Amino acid sequence: MNLLIRFIVKYFDTTVLFLFLLSGILLIFLDSREYKGNNLTKEFKFSRFLGYTYMIIGITLFIIARYIRV
């Protein structure tokens, strides 16, 4: 566990946060809209869920990287 936290603190910066947030936004707004237009409801729901998950994980890891010092 300590090794994982050290890895997060060392490599997680604002660029990685931006990539997580961008991936989440693209999944929520572009992919899910396309799935909804093609009447793929399972894929639509999963795409939105995954987008929100990416954003939450990105913000959580950013907070860990900034406020936890090992």
PDB file of N, CA and C in Angstrom:
ATOM      1  N   MET A   1       0.820  -1.192   0.000  1.00  0.00           N
ATOM      2  CA  MET A   1       0.000   0.000   0.000  1.00  0.00           C
ATOM      3  C   MET A   1       0.868   1.262   0.000  1.00  0.00           C
ATOM      4  N   ASN A   2       1.915   1.235   0.799  1.00  0.00           N
ATOM      5  CA  ASN A   2       2.818   2.379   0.870  1.00  0.00           C
ATOM      6  C   ASN A   2       3.495   2.622  -0.477  1.00  0.00           C
ATOM      7  N   LEU A   3       3.825   1.554  -1.173  1.00  0.00           N
ATOM      8  CA  LEU A   3       4.446   1.671  -2.492  1.00  0.00           C
ATOM      9  C   LEU A   3       3.484   2.332  -3.483  1.00  0.00           C
ATOM     10  N   LEU A   4       2.217   1.962  -3.421  1.00  0.00           N
ATOM     11  CA  LEU A   4       1.211   2.553  -4.303  1.00  0.00           C
ATOM     12  C   LEU A   4       1.048   4.047  -4.031  1.00  0.00           C
ATOM     13  N   ILE A   5       1.002   4.419  -2.775  1.00  0.00           N
ATOM     14  CA  ILE A   5       0.863   5.840  -2.428  1.00  0.00           C
ATOM     15  C   ILE A   5       2.086   6.627  -2.872  1.00  0.00           C
ATOM     16  N   ARG A   6       3.266   6.049  -2.711  1.00  0.00           N
ATOM     17  CA  ARG A   6       4.482   6.733  -3.188  1.00  0.00           C
ATOM     18  C   ARG A   6       4.449   6.934  -4.696  1.00  0.00           C
ATOM     19  N   PHE A   7       3.979   5.914  -5.424  1.00  0.00           N
ATOM     20  CA  PHE A   7       3.867   6.011  -6.877  1.00  0.00           C
ATOM     21  C   PHE A   7       2.906   7.136  -7.268  1.00  0.00           C
ATOM     22  N   ILE A   8       1.757   7.196  -6.609  1.00  0.00           N
ATOM     23  CA  ILE A   8       0.770   8.241  -6.905  1.00  0.00           C
ATOM     24  C   ILE A   8       1.348   9.623  -6.635  1.00  0.00           C
ATOM     25  N   VAL A   9       1.992   9.778  -5.491  1.00  0.00           N
ATOM     26  CA  VAL A   9       2.561  11.080  -5.127  1.00  0.00           C
ATOM     27  C   VAL A   9       3.650  11.494  -6.109  1.00  0.00           C
ATOM     28  N   LYS A  10       4.426  10.540  -6.575  1.00  0.00           N
ATOM     29  CA  LYS A  10       5.554  10.859  -7.454  1.00  0.00           C
ATOM     30  C   LYS A  10       5.107  11.217  -8.874  1.00  0.00           C
ATOM     31  N   TYR A  11       4.140  10.499  -9.418  1.00  0.00           N
ATOM     32  CA  TYR A  11       3.822  10.650 -10.834  1.00  0.00           C
ATOM     33  C   TYR A  11       2.514  11.374 -11.142  1.00  0.00           C
ATOM     34  N   PHE A  12       1.668  11.580 -10.177  1.00  0.00           N
ATOM     35  CA  PHE A  12       0.375  12.197 -10.466  1.00  0.00           C
ATOM     36  C   PHE A  12       0.483  13.709 -10.336  1.00  0.00           C
ATOM     37  N   ASP A  13       0.349  14.405 -11.448  1.00  0.00           N
ATOM     38  CA  ASP A  13       0.415  15.862 -11.447  1.00  0.00           C
ATOM     39  C   ASP A  13      -0.803  16.419 -12.182  1.00  0.00           C
ATOM     40  N   THR A  14      -0.778  17.702 -12.473  1.00  0.00           N
ATOM     41  CA  THR A  14      -1.942  18.332 -13.092  1.00  0.00           C
ATOM     42  C   THR A  14      -2.196  17.825 -14.510  1.00  0.00           C
ATOM     43  N   THR A  15      -1.155  17.389 -15.198  1.00  0.00           N
ATOM     44  CA  THR A  15      -1.341  16.848 -16.542  1.00  0.00           C
ATOM     45  C   THR A  15      -2.155  15.567 -16.497  1.00  0.00           C
ATOM     46  N   VAL A  16      -1.845  14.705 -15.566  1.00  0.00           N
ATOM     47  CA  VAL A  16      -2.583  13.450 -15.433  1.00  0.00           C
ATOM     48  C   VAL A  16      -4.019  13.734 -14.992  1.00  0.00           C
ATOM     49  N   LEU A  17      -4.193  14.694 -14.094  1.00  0.00           N
ATOM     50  CA  LEU A  17      -5.543  15.086 -13.687  1.00  0.00           C
ATOM     51  C   LEU A  17      -6.330  15.578 -14.895  1.00  0.00           C
ATOM     52  N   PHE A  18      -5.711  16.416 -15.718  1.00  0.00           N
ATOM     53  CA  PHE A  18      -6.367  16.927 -16.918  1.00  0.00           C
ATOM     54  C   PHE A  18      -6.779  15.785 -17.843  1.00  0.00           C
ATOM     55  N   LEU A  19      -5.918  14.786 -18.006  1.00  0.00           N
ATOM     56  CA  LEU A  19      -6.242  13.653 -18.872  1.00  0.00           C
ATOM     57  C   LEU A  19      -7.407  12.831 -18.323  1.00  0.00           C
ATOM     58  N   PHE A  20      -7.430  12.619 -17.016  1.00  0.00           N
ATOM     59  CA  PHE A  20      -8.551  11.907 -16.404  1.00  0.00           C
ATOM     60  C   PHE A  20      -9.854  12.676 -16.611  1.00  0.00           C
ATOM     61  N   LEU A  21      -9.827  13.974 -16.356  1.00  0.00           N
ATOM     62  CA  LEU A  21     -11.037  14.785 -16.506  1.00  0.00           C
ATOM     63  C   LEU A  21     -11.485  14.860 -17.964  1.00  0.00           C
ATOM     64  N   LEU A  22     -10.543  15.015 -18.875  1.00  0.00           N
ATOM     65  CA  LEU A  22     -10.881  15.063 -20.296  1.00  0.00           C
ATOM     66  C   LEU A  22     -11.492  13.745 -20.759  1.00  0.00           C
ATOM     67  N   SER A  23     -10.926  12.632 -20.332  1.00  0.00           N
ATOM     68  CA  SER A  23     -11.481  11.324 -20.687  1.00  0.00           C
ATOM     69  C   SER A  23     -12.899  11.178 -20.160  1.00  0.00           C
ATOM     70  N   GLY A  24     -13.108  11.597 -18.930  1.00  0.00           N
ATOM     71  CA  GLY A  24     -14.447  11.514 -18.355  1.00  0.00           C
ATOM     72  C   GLY A  24     -15.451  12.369 -19.101  1.00  0.00           C
ATOM     73  N   ILE A  25     -15.053  13.585 -19.428  1.00  0.00           N
ATOM     74  CA  ILE A  25     -15.956  14.492 -20.144  1.00  0.00           C
ATOM     75  C   ILE A  25     -16.281  13.953 -21.531  1.00  0.00           C
ATOM     76  N   LEU A  26     -15.285  13.421 -22.222  1.00  0.00           N
ATOM     77  CA  LEU A  26     -15.534  12.859 -23.552  1.00  0.00           C
ATOM     78  C   LEU A  26     -16.474  11.667 -23.482  1.00  0.00           C
ATOM     79  N   LEU A  27     -16.289  10.814 -22.477  1.00  0.00           N
ATOM     80  CA  LEU A  27     -17.187   9.673 -22.320  1.00  0.00           C
ATOM     81  C   LEU A  27     -18.611  10.127 -22.025  1.00  0.00           C
ATOM     82  N   ILE A  28     -18.745  11.110 -21.167  1.00  0.00           N
ATOM     83  CA  ILE A  28     -20.083  11.552 -20.764  1.00  0.00           C
ATOM     84  C   ILE A  28     -20.803  12.257 -21.911  1.00  0.00           C
ATOM     85  N   PHE A  29     -20.126  13.149 -22.598  1.00  0.00           N
ATOM     86  CA  PHE A  29     -20.824  13.994 -23.558  1.00  0.00           C
ATOM     87  C   PHE A  29     -20.769  13.498 -24.999  1.00  0.00           C
ATOM     88  N   LEU A  30     -19.703  12.871 -25.413  1.00  0.00           N
ATOM     89  CA  LEU A  30     -19.626  12.443 -26.813  1.00  0.00           C
ATOM     90  C   LEU A  30     -20.052  10.993 -27.009  1.00  0.00           C
ATOM     91  N   ASP A  31     -19.405  10.092 -26.290  1.00  0.00           N
ATOM     92  CA  ASP A  31     -19.708   8.676 -26.479  1.00  0.00           C
ATOM     93  C   ASP A  31     -21.130   8.337 -26.065  1.00  0.00           C
ATOM     94  N   SER A  32     -21.546   8.838 -24.911  1.00  0.00           N
ATOM     95  CA  SER A  32     -22.888   8.486 -24.438  1.00  0.00           C
ATOM     96  C   SER A  32     -23.968   9.050 -25.363  1.00  0.00           C
ATOM     97  N   ARG A  33     -23.745  10.226 -25.915  1.00  0.00           N
ATOM     98  CA  ARG A  33     -24.715  10.809 -26.848  1.00  0.00           C
ATOM     99  C   ARG A  33     -24.847   9.942 -28.103  1.00  0.00           C
ATOM    100  N   GLU A  34     -23.716   9.433 -28.568  1.00  0.00           N
ATOM    101  CA  GLU A  34     -23.747   8.569 -29.745  1.00  0.00           C
ATOM    102  C   GLU A  34     -24.477   7.260 -29.450  1.00  0.00           C
ATOM    103  N   TYR A  35     -24.233   6.700 -28.275  1.00  0.00           N
ATOM    104  CA  TYR A  35     -24.920   5.466 -27.889  1.00  0.00           C
ATOM    105  C   TYR A  35     -26.416   5.694 -27.738  1.00  0.00           C
ATOM    106  N   LYS A  36     -26.792   6.811 -27.171  1.00  0.00           N
ATOM    107  CA  LYS A  36     -28.211   7.109 -26.991  1.00  0.00           C
ATOM    108  C   LYS A  36     -28.895   7.283 -28.342  1.00  0.00           C
ATOM    109  N   GLY A  37     -28.202   7.907 -29.282  1.00  0.00           N
ATOM    110  CA  GLY A  37     -28.758   8.097 -30.620  1.00  0.00           C
ATOM    111  C   GLY A  37     -28.974   6.796 -31.362  1.00  0.00           C
ATOM    112  N   ASN A  38     -28.178   5.780 -31.032  1.00  0.00           N
ATOM    113  CA  ASN A  38     -28.311   4.470 -31.673  1.00  0.00           C
ATOM    114  C   ASN A  38     -29.145   3.500 -30.844  1.00  0.00           C
ATOM    115  N   ASN A  39     -29.845   4.006 -29.828  1.00  0.00           N
ATOM    116  CA  ASN A  39     -30.690   3.202 -28.940  1.00  0.00           C
ATOM    117  C   ASN A  39     -29.933   2.072 -28.257  1.00  0.00           C
ATOM    118  N   LEU A  40     -28.717   2.333 -27.845  1.00  0.00           N
ATOM    119  CA  LEU A  40     -27.913   1.370 -27.095  1.00  0.00           C
ATOM    120  C   LEU A  40     -27.919   1.804 -25.631  1.00  0.00           C
ATOM    121  N   THR A  41     -28.969   1.432 -24.907  1.00  0.00           N
ATOM    122  CA  THR A  41     -29.160   1.958 -23.560  1.00  0.00           C
ATOM    123  C   THR A  41     -28.135   1.431 -22.563  1.00  0.00           C
ATOM    124  N   LYS A  42     -27.753   0.163 -22.669  1.00  0.00           N
ATOM    125  CA  LYS A  42     -26.745  -0.367 -21.739  1.00  0.00           C
ATOM    126  C   LYS A  42     -25.417   0.355 -21.913  1.00  0.00           C
ATOM    127  N   GLU A  43     -25.008   0.523 -23.155  1.00  0.00           N
ATOM    128  CA  GLU A  43     -23.757   1.207 -23.442  1.00  0.00           C
ATOM    129  C   GLU A  43     -23.826   2.676 -23.032  1.00  0.00           C
ATOM    130  N   PHE A  44     -24.981   3.290 -23.221  1.00  0.00           N
ATOM    131  CA  PHE A  44     -25.183   4.679 -22.818  1.00  0.00           C
ATOM    132  C   PHE A  44     -24.981   4.840 -21.315  1.00  0.00           C
ATOM    133  N   LYS A  45     -25.625   3.989 -20.541  1.00  0.00           N
ATOM    134  CA  LYS A  45     -25.515   4.067 -19.080  1.00  0.00           C
ATOM    135  C   LYS A  45     -24.099   3.752 -18.616  1.00  0.00           C
ATOM    136  N   PHE A  46     -23.482   2.733 -19.208  1.00  0.00           N
ATOM    137  CA  PHE A  46     -22.127   2.359 -18.804  1.00  0.00           C
ATOM    138  C   PHE A  46     -21.123   3.450 -19.162  1.00  0.00           C
ATOM    139  N   SER A  47     -21.297   4.079 -20.303  1.00  0.00           N
ATOM    140  CA  SER A  47     -20.402   5.158 -20.720  1.00  0.00           C
ATOM    141  C   SER A  47     -20.489   6.340 -19.759  1.00  0.00           C
ATOM    142  N   ARG A  48     -21.678   6.697 -19.353  1.00  0.00           N
ATOM    143  CA  ARG A  48     -21.836   7.788 -18.385  1.00  0.00           C
ATOM    144  C   ARG A  48     -21.246   7.406 -17.035  1.00  0.00           C
ATOM    145  N   PHE A  49     -21.500   6.175 -16.595  1.00  0.00           N
ATOM    146  CA  PHE A  49     -20.948   5.701 -15.328  1.00  0.00           C
ATOM    147  C   PHE A  49     -19.425   5.741 -15.360  1.00  0.00           C
ATOM    148  N   LEU A  50     -18.834   5.256 -16.429  1.00  0.00           N
ATOM    149  CA  LEU A  50     -17.381   5.234 -16.554  1.00  0.00           C
ATOM    150  C   LEU A  50     -16.809   6.646 -16.620  1.00  0.00           C
ATOM    151  N   GLY A  51     -17.487   7.547 -17.287  1.00  0.00           N
ATOM    152  CA  GLY A  51     -17.039   8.936 -17.344  1.00  0.00           C
ATOM    153  C   GLY A  51     -17.002   9.587 -15.975  1.00  0.00           C
ATOM    154  N   TYR A  52     -18.069   9.406 -15.216  1.00  0.00           N
ATOM    155  CA  TYR A  52     -18.089   9.953 -13.852  1.00  0.00           C
ATOM    156  C   TYR A  52     -17.041   9.284 -12.975  1.00  0.00           C
ATOM    157  N   THR A  53     -16.846   7.983 -13.171  1.00  0.00           N
ATOM    158  CA  THR A  53     -15.841   7.257 -12.392  1.00  0.00           C
ATOM    159  C   THR A  53     -14.446   7.792 -12.680  1.00  0.00           C
ATOM    160  N   TYR A  54     -14.122   8.014 -13.946  1.00  0.00           N
ATOM    161  CA  TYR A  54     -12.821   8.591 -14.304  1.00  0.00           C
ATOM    162  C   TYR A  54     -12.612   9.938 -13.619  1.00  0.00           C
ATOM    163  N   MET A  55     -13.634  10.755 -13.629  1.00  0.00           N
ATOM    164  CA  MET A  55     -13.502  12.083 -13.035  1.00  0.00           C
ATOM    165  C   MET A  55     -13.316  12.001 -11.521  1.00  0.00           C
ATOM    166  N   ILE A  56     -14.048  11.131 -10.867  1.00  0.00           N
ATOM    167  CA  ILE A  56     -13.919  10.975  -9.412  1.00  0.00           C
ATOM    168  C   ILE A  56     -12.553  10.412  -9.051  1.00  0.00           C
ATOM    169  N   ILE A  57     -12.106   9.402  -9.788  1.00  0.00           N
ATOM    170  CA  ILE A  57     -10.780   8.820  -9.522  1.00  0.00           C
ATOM    171  C   ILE A  57      -9.693   9.860  -9.753  1.00  0.00           C
ATOM    172  N   GLY A  58      -9.802  10.628 -10.821  1.00  0.00           N
ATOM    173  CA  GLY A  58      -8.805  11.657 -11.101  1.00  0.00           C
ATOM    174  C   GLY A  58      -8.704  12.692 -10.002  1.00  0.00           C
ATOM    175  N   ILE A  59      -9.839  13.172  -9.537  1.00  0.00           N
ATOM    176  CA  ILE A  59      -9.836  14.177  -8.466  1.00  0.00           C
ATOM    177  C   ILE A  59      -9.308  13.578  -7.172  1.00  0.00           C
ATOM    178  N   THR A  60      -9.710  12.345  -6.856  1.00  0.00           N
ATOM    179  CA  THR A  60      -9.241  11.681  -5.637  1.00  0.00           C
ATOM    180  C   THR A  60      -7.734  11.479  -5.663  1.00  0.00           C
ATOM    181  N   LEU A  61      -7.203  11.005  -6.776  1.00  0.00           N
ATOM    182  CA  LEU A  61      -5.757  10.796  -6.874  1.00  0.00           C
ATOM    183  C   LEU A  61      -4.998  12.116  -6.814  1.00  0.00           C
ATOM    184  N   PHE A  62      -5.572  13.164  -7.384  1.00  0.00           N
ATOM    185  CA  PHE A  62      -4.933  14.476  -7.312  1.00  0.00           C
ATOM    186  C   PHE A  62      -4.854  14.961  -5.868  1.00  0.00           C
ATOM    187  N   ILE A  63      -5.929  14.776  -5.123  1.00  0.00           N
ATOM    188  CA  ILE A  63      -5.924  15.170  -3.713  1.00  0.00           C
ATOM    189  C   ILE A  63      -4.908  14.350  -2.934  1.00  0.00           C
ATOM    190  N   ILE A  64      -4.858  13.056  -3.183  1.00  0.00           N
ATOM    191  CA  ILE A  64      -3.870  12.204  -2.506  1.00  0.00           C
ATOM    192  C   ILE A  64      -2.460  12.665  -2.836  1.00  0.00           C
ATOM    193  N   ALA A  65      -2.213  12.955  -4.105  1.00  0.00           N
ATOM    194  CA  ALA A  65      -0.867  13.351  -4.525  1.00  0.00           C
ATOM    195  C   ALA A  65      -0.452  14.696  -3.934  1.00  0.00           C
ATOM    196  N   ARG A  66      -1.399  15.580  -3.704  1.00  0.00           N
ATOM    197  CA  ARG A  66      -1.064  16.912  -3.212  1.00  0.00           C
ATOM    198  C   ARG A  66      -0.972  16.995  -1.697  1.00  0.00           C
ATOM    199  N   TYR A  67      -1.789  16.245  -0.987  1.00  0.00           N
ATOM    200  CA  TYR A  67      -1.902  16.449   0.454  1.00  0.00           C
ATOM    201  C   TYR A  67      -1.333  15.330   1.309  1.00  0.00           C
ATOM    202  N   ILE A  68      -0.952  14.223   0.702  1.00  0.00           N
ATOM    203  CA  ILE A  68      -0.331  13.141   1.467  1.00  0.00           C
ATOM    204  C   ILE A  68       1.139  13.096   1.093  1.00  0.00           C
ATOM    205  N   ARG A  69       1.974  13.226   2.065  1.00  0.00           N
ATOM    206  CA  ARG A  69       3.419  13.167   1.851  1.00  0.00           C
ATOM    207  C   ARG A  69       3.966  11.913   2.503  1.00  0.00           C
ATOM    208  N   VAL A  70       4.735  11.176   1.734  1.00  0.00           N
ATOM    209  CA  VAL A  70       5.322   9.927   2.238  1.00  0.00           C
ATOM    210  C   VAL A  70       6.805  10.108   2.418  1.00  0.00           C
TER     211      VAL A  70
END
